[in-house]
Amino acid sequence: MSGFDRKALYSSETTTLNRRVQGQFCQRYAGNPFVTMSDSHRIKADLRKTLRQRRGSLSSSRQGAAAQTLINSVITLPGWAEAKHIAIYLAADGEIDTRPLETVARSLGKHVFLPTIAEGDSLEFARWEAGVKLTDNRYSIPEPPPAAMRCPLSHLNIVFLPLVGWDLFGGRLGMGGGFYDRTLSDTVSPLLVGLAHECQRVEKIPLENWDVVLDYIATDAALYRRRGNKNDQTVLFGDNDPGL
């Protein structure tokens, strides 16, 4: 991987993707603050389909290398060294693998938690003890057993989130279930860090009021701190949008 610049490789792909997927809406909605929810949903659906195909096309060797180099980004996070309680996820559908990160976290004495589906389709975070057998939830995603200790959000230091797409403003495109948004939007959250392949970056993710915004995005190429704030995303398309 020496000399392989993922940021440079995907910069042109990012712009091209936005022009293709978002461009069909630009003439009608450029600078218009009254973009309808259905338009936002259409854009998200198109982005989700394209980005899932993109990450799914990565070879197993590329996936493995990305999971290892992701650690280089994570360990530079502010507060990582001091963090004692972290929440991760188990990768599926081409998401960047967290198993190497889990190994590093445990070696540093950190307590690892996994999301579990709770009442109201929100999430709880259950302690994942090393060697404990996990059981599949209704989406066939492994979870710690019901007896596992639950950690309140206020006691978590970092939550690492899976995602389908991301942008430099902290915008996150998930799978569409809204589990993390329902869980994290109405509370004082811990540090929210999206984990992704560099190739999942787009110029702008359309956001609704309830969408959670990330503090950082860690990829196999770099660590990115969110630019600006959530209000920067209230207009889907503007005259200076580089994705146009």
Protein backbone atom coordinates (compact mmCIF):
# COMPACT_ATOMS: atom_id res chain seq x y z
CA MET A 1 0.00 0.00 0.00
CA SER A 2 3.03 2.27 0.04
CA GLY A 3 2.41 5.50 -1.83
CA PHE A 4 -1.29 4.66 -2.34
CA ASP A 5 -3.26 7.88 -1.82
CA ARG A 6 -6.90 6.95 -1.26
CA LYS A 7 -7.91 10.57 -0.74
CA ALA A 8 -6.61 11.53 -4.18
CA LEU A 9 -8.06 8.40 -5.78
CA TYR A 10 -11.60 9.07 -4.64
CA SER A 11 -11.73 12.88 -4.88
CA SER A 12 -12.79 12.84 -8.54
CA GLU A 13 -15.19 9.95 -7.93
CA THR A 14 -16.88 11.92 -5.15
CA THR A 15 -17.62 14.87 -7.41
CA THR A 16 -18.75 12.64 -10.26
CA LEU A 17 -21.12 10.71 -8.03
CA ASN A 18 -22.77 13.87 -6.75
CA ARG A 19 -23.13 15.30 -10.22
CA ARG A 20 -24.80 12.14 -11.44
CA VAL A 21 -27.09 11.44 -8.48
CA GLN A 22 -27.83 14.95 -7.25
CA GLY A 23 -27.48 16.76 -10.56
CA GLN A 24 -30.90 15.72 -11.83
CA PHE A 25 -32.44 17.79 -9.04
CA CYS A 26 -30.13 20.80 -9.20
CA GLN A 27 -31.81 22.84 -11.94
CA ARG A 28 -35.11 22.73 -10.13
CA TYR A 29 -33.89 23.10 -6.56
CA ALA A 30 -30.63 25.09 -6.67
CA GLY A 31 -30.80 27.70 -3.91
CA ASN A 32 -34.36 26.68 -3.03
CA PRO A 33 -34.89 26.19 0.73
CA PHE A 34 -38.24 24.49 0.12
CA VAL A 35 -36.97 21.14 -1.07
CA THR A 36 -39.63 18.56 -0.20
CA MET A 37 -39.06 15.52 1.97
CA SER A 38 -39.86 13.21 -0.93
CA ASP A 39 -37.05 14.78 -2.97
CA SER A 40 -34.63 14.28 -0.10
CA HIS A 41 -35.71 10.66 0.21
CA ARG A 42 -35.15 10.10 -3.52
CA ILE A 43 -31.65 11.53 -3.34
CA LYS A 44 -30.84 9.43 -0.28
CA ALA A 45 -32.18 6.28 -1.93
CA ASP A 46 -30.06 6.85 -5.04
CA LEU A 47 -26.96 7.61 -3.00
CA ARG A 48 -27.57 4.60 -0.78
CA LYS A 49 -27.86 2.25 -3.75
CA THR A 50 -24.73 3.58 -5.45
CA LEU A 51 -22.58 3.66 -2.32
CA ARG A 52 -23.60 0.19 -1.19
CA GLN A 53 -22.58 -1.12 -4.59
CA ARG A 54 -19.29 0.76 -4.34
CA ARG A 55 -18.26 -0.59 -0.95
CA GLY A 56 -19.60 -4.03 -1.86
CA SER A 57 -17.23 -4.14 -4.83
CA LEU A 58 -14.15 -3.93 -2.60
CA SER A 59 -12.15 -7.14 -2.56
CA SER A 60 -11.63 -9.04 0.67
CA SER A 61 -7.97 -8.01 0.66
CA ARG A 62 -8.90 -4.34 0.27
CA GLN A 63 -11.45 -4.70 3.05
CA GLY A 64 -8.88 -6.29 5.33
CA ALA A 65 -6.27 -3.64 4.60
CA ALA A 66 -8.82 -0.86 5.17
CA ALA A 67 -9.80 -2.29 8.56
CA GLN A 68 -6.16 -2.30 9.65
CA THR A 69 -5.31 1.20 8.43
CA LEU A 70 -8.52 2.54 9.99
CA ILE A 71 -6.81 2.11 13.36
CA ASN A 72 -4.23 4.74 12.39
CA SER A 73 -7.05 7.26 12.04
CA VAL A 74 -8.91 6.25 15.20
CA ILE A 75 -5.94 6.46 17.55
CA THR A 76 -5.49 10.15 16.67
CA LEU A 77 -9.01 10.98 17.90
CA PRO A 78 -9.14 13.52 20.73
CA GLY A 79 -9.98 11.61 23.89
CA TRP A 80 -9.18 8.17 22.47
CA ALA A 81 -6.37 7.51 24.93
CA GLU A 82 -8.55 8.42 27.92
CA ALA A 83 -11.75 6.72 26.72
CA LYS A 84 -12.78 3.77 28.88
CA HIS A 85 -16.21 2.94 27.45
CA ILE A 86 -16.63 2.76 23.68
CA ALA A 87 -19.44 1.45 21.47
CA ILE A 88 -18.66 -0.18 18.14
CA TYR A 89 -20.68 -2.24 15.66
CA LEU A 90 -20.21 -5.54 13.87
CA ALA A 91 -19.71 -4.94 10.17
CA ALA A 92 -22.19 -6.17 7.55
CA ASP A 93 -22.98 -5.43 3.91
CA GLY A 94 -19.49 -4.18 3.12
CA GLU A 95 -19.16 -1.82 6.10
CA ILE A 96 -15.60 -1.25 7.23
CA ASP A 97 -14.67 -4.02 9.65
CA THR A 98 -14.27 -3.15 13.34
CA ARG A 99 -12.61 -6.37 14.50
CA PRO A 100 -9.05 -4.98 14.42
CA LEU A 101 -10.30 -1.91 16.31
CA GLU A 102 -11.98 -4.16 18.87
CA THR A 103 -8.70 -6.02 19.40
CA VAL A 104 -6.76 -2.81 19.93
CA ALA A 105 -9.40 -1.41 22.29
CA ARG A 106 -9.40 -4.52 24.46
CA SER A 107 -5.59 -4.57 24.56
CA LEU A 108 -5.73 -1.04 26.00
CA GLY A 109 -8.20 -2.05 28.70
CA LYS A 110 -11.22 -0.31 27.18
CA HIS A 111 -14.74 -1.68 27.77
CA VAL A 112 -16.45 -2.52 24.49
CA PHE A 113 -20.20 -2.20 23.92
CA LEU A 114 -22.45 -3.21 21.03
CA PRO A 115 -25.81 -1.75 20.00
CA THR A 116 -28.91 -3.83 20.73
CA ILE A 117 -32.41 -3.10 19.47
CA ALA A 118 -34.63 -1.84 22.27
CA GLU A 119 -38.26 -0.86 22.68
CA GLY A 120 -39.46 1.73 20.19
CA ASP A 121 -36.80 0.71 17.67
CA SER A 122 -34.14 2.66 19.50
CA LEU A 123 -30.78 1.30 20.62
CA GLU A 124 -29.22 0.30 23.90
CA PHE A 125 -25.53 -0.41 24.30
CA ALA A 126 -24.65 -3.74 25.89
CA ARG A 127 -21.28 -4.77 27.32
CA TRP A 128 -19.47 -7.19 25.01
CA GLU A 129 -17.25 -9.34 27.14
CA ALA A 130 -14.47 -11.15 25.30
CA GLY A 131 -15.45 -14.70 24.47
CA VAL A 132 -19.17 -14.26 25.20
CA LYS A 133 -21.44 -15.87 22.61
CA LEU A 134 -23.58 -13.39 20.67
CA THR A 135 -27.12 -14.07 19.45
CA ASP A 136 -28.76 -12.78 16.27
CA ASN A 137 -31.49 -10.14 16.48
CA ARG A 138 -34.40 -9.94 14.05
CA TYR A 139 -32.08 -8.49 11.39
CA SER A 140 -29.59 -11.36 11.87
CA ILE A 141 -27.12 -8.96 13.49
CA PRO A 142 -25.29 -10.48 16.48
CA GLU A 143 -25.93 -8.89 19.88
CA PRO A 144 -24.76 -9.56 23.44
CA PRO A 145 -27.18 -11.65 25.52
CA PRO A 146 -30.10 -9.95 27.33
CA ALA A 147 -28.31 -10.31 30.67
CA ALA A 148 -25.34 -8.24 29.48
CA MET A 149 -24.84 -4.96 31.31
CA ARG A 150 -26.33 -1.92 29.55
CA CYS A 151 -24.36 1.32 29.52
CA PRO A 152 -26.22 4.66 29.62
CA LEU A 153 -25.24 7.05 26.85
CA SER A 154 -23.94 9.47 29.44
CA HIS A 155 -21.32 6.89 30.47
CA LEU A 156 -20.07 6.17 26.95
CA ASN A 157 -17.03 8.14 25.84
CA ILE A 158 -17.13 7.37 22.10
CA VAL A 159 -19.78 5.84 19.85
CA PHE A 160 -18.47 4.52 16.54
CA LEU A 161 -21.27 4.46 13.97
CA PRO A 162 -21.61 2.48 10.75
CA LEU A 163 -22.66 4.38 7.66
CA VAL A 164 -23.36 4.12 3.95
CA GLY A 165 -22.20 7.62 3.01
CA TRP A 166 -20.62 10.65 4.66
CA ASP A 167 -19.57 14.22 3.97
CA LEU A 168 -17.16 16.73 5.47
CA PHE A 169 -19.97 18.51 7.34
CA GLY A 170 -20.64 15.47 9.51
CA GLY A 171 -23.57 14.33 7.39
CA ARG A 172 -24.26 10.62 7.72
CA LEU A 173 -26.28 8.41 5.40
CA GLY A 174 -27.33 5.19 7.10
CA MET A 175 -29.34 2.22 5.94
CA GLY A 176 -32.61 4.09 6.48
CA GLY A 177 -33.84 2.47 9.69
CA GLY A 178 -33.24 5.54 11.86
CA PHE A 179 -32.05 3.55 14.88
CA TYR A 180 -29.06 5.76 15.68
CA ASP A 181 -31.00 8.95 14.93
CA ARG A 182 -33.78 8.02 17.39
CA THR A 183 -31.25 7.03 20.03
CA LEU A 184 -28.81 9.93 19.80
CA SER A 185 -30.74 12.99 18.61
CA ASP A 186 -32.47 14.06 21.84
CA THR A 187 -29.69 13.63 24.32
CA VAL A 188 -26.29 14.98 25.24
CA SER A 189 -24.34 12.47 23.23
CA PRO A 190 -20.83 11.13 23.62
CA LEU A 191 -18.33 11.77 20.84
CA LEU A 192 -19.92 10.48 17.63
CA VAL A 193 -17.47 9.05 15.12
CA GLY A 194 -18.48 7.55 11.78
CA LEU A 195 -16.33 4.72 10.45
CA ALA A 196 -16.14 4.36 6.69
CA HIS A 197 -14.16 3.57 3.61
CA GLU A 198 -12.76 6.67 1.96
CA CYS A 199 -14.74 5.74 -1.16
CA GLN A 200 -18.04 6.32 0.70
CA ARG A 201 -17.50 10.08 0.83
CA VAL A 202 -19.84 12.39 -1.11
CA GLU A 203 -19.99 16.17 -1.39
CA LYS A 204 -23.19 16.60 0.61
CA ILE A 205 -25.67 14.35 2.41
CA PRO A 206 -29.21 15.79 2.52
CA LEU A 207 -30.32 15.94 6.15
CA GLU A 208 -33.63 16.14 7.96
CA ASN A 209 -34.01 17.84 11.33
CA TRP A 210 -33.84 14.53 13.17
CA ASP A 211 -30.66 13.27 11.51
CA VAL A 212 -27.66 12.89 13.78
CA VAL A 213 -24.53 14.79 12.76
CA LEU A 214 -21.12 13.24 13.32
CA ASP A 215 -18.28 14.91 15.20
CA TYR A 216 -15.59 13.03 13.29
CA ILE A 217 -15.28 10.56 10.42
CA ALA A 218 -12.45 8.04 10.54
CA THR A 219 -11.58 6.27 7.30
CA ASP A 220 -8.85 4.05 5.95
CA ALA A 221 -7.13 7.22 4.67
CA ALA A 222 -7.57 9.95 7.29
CA LEU A 223 -9.42 11.36 10.28
CA TYR A 224 -11.81 14.22 9.45
CA ARG A 225 -13.26 16.70 11.91
CA ARG A 226 -16.73 17.98 11.08
CA ARG A 227 -16.80 21.31 9.28
CA GLY A 228 -19.27 23.92 10.52
CA ASN A 229 -22.51 22.77 12.11
CA LYS A 230 -25.80 21.15 11.22
CA ASN A 231 -27.27 24.42 9.95
CA ASP A 232 -24.79 24.33 7.09
CA GLN A 233 -26.91 21.57 5.55
CA THR A 234 -30.38 23.15 5.69
CA VAL A 235 -30.33 23.85 1.93
CA LEU A 236 -29.74 20.82 -0.25
CA PHE A 237 -28.30 22.69 -3.22
CA GLY A 238 -26.69 26.12 -3.40
CA ASP A 239 -24.93 28.21 -6.01
CA ASN A 240 -21.51 27.33 -4.62
CA ASP A 241 -22.12 23.61 -4.12
CA PRO A 242 -19.02 21.80 -5.48
CA GLY A 243 -21.17 18.77 -6.20
CA LEU A 244 -23.06 20.60 -8.92
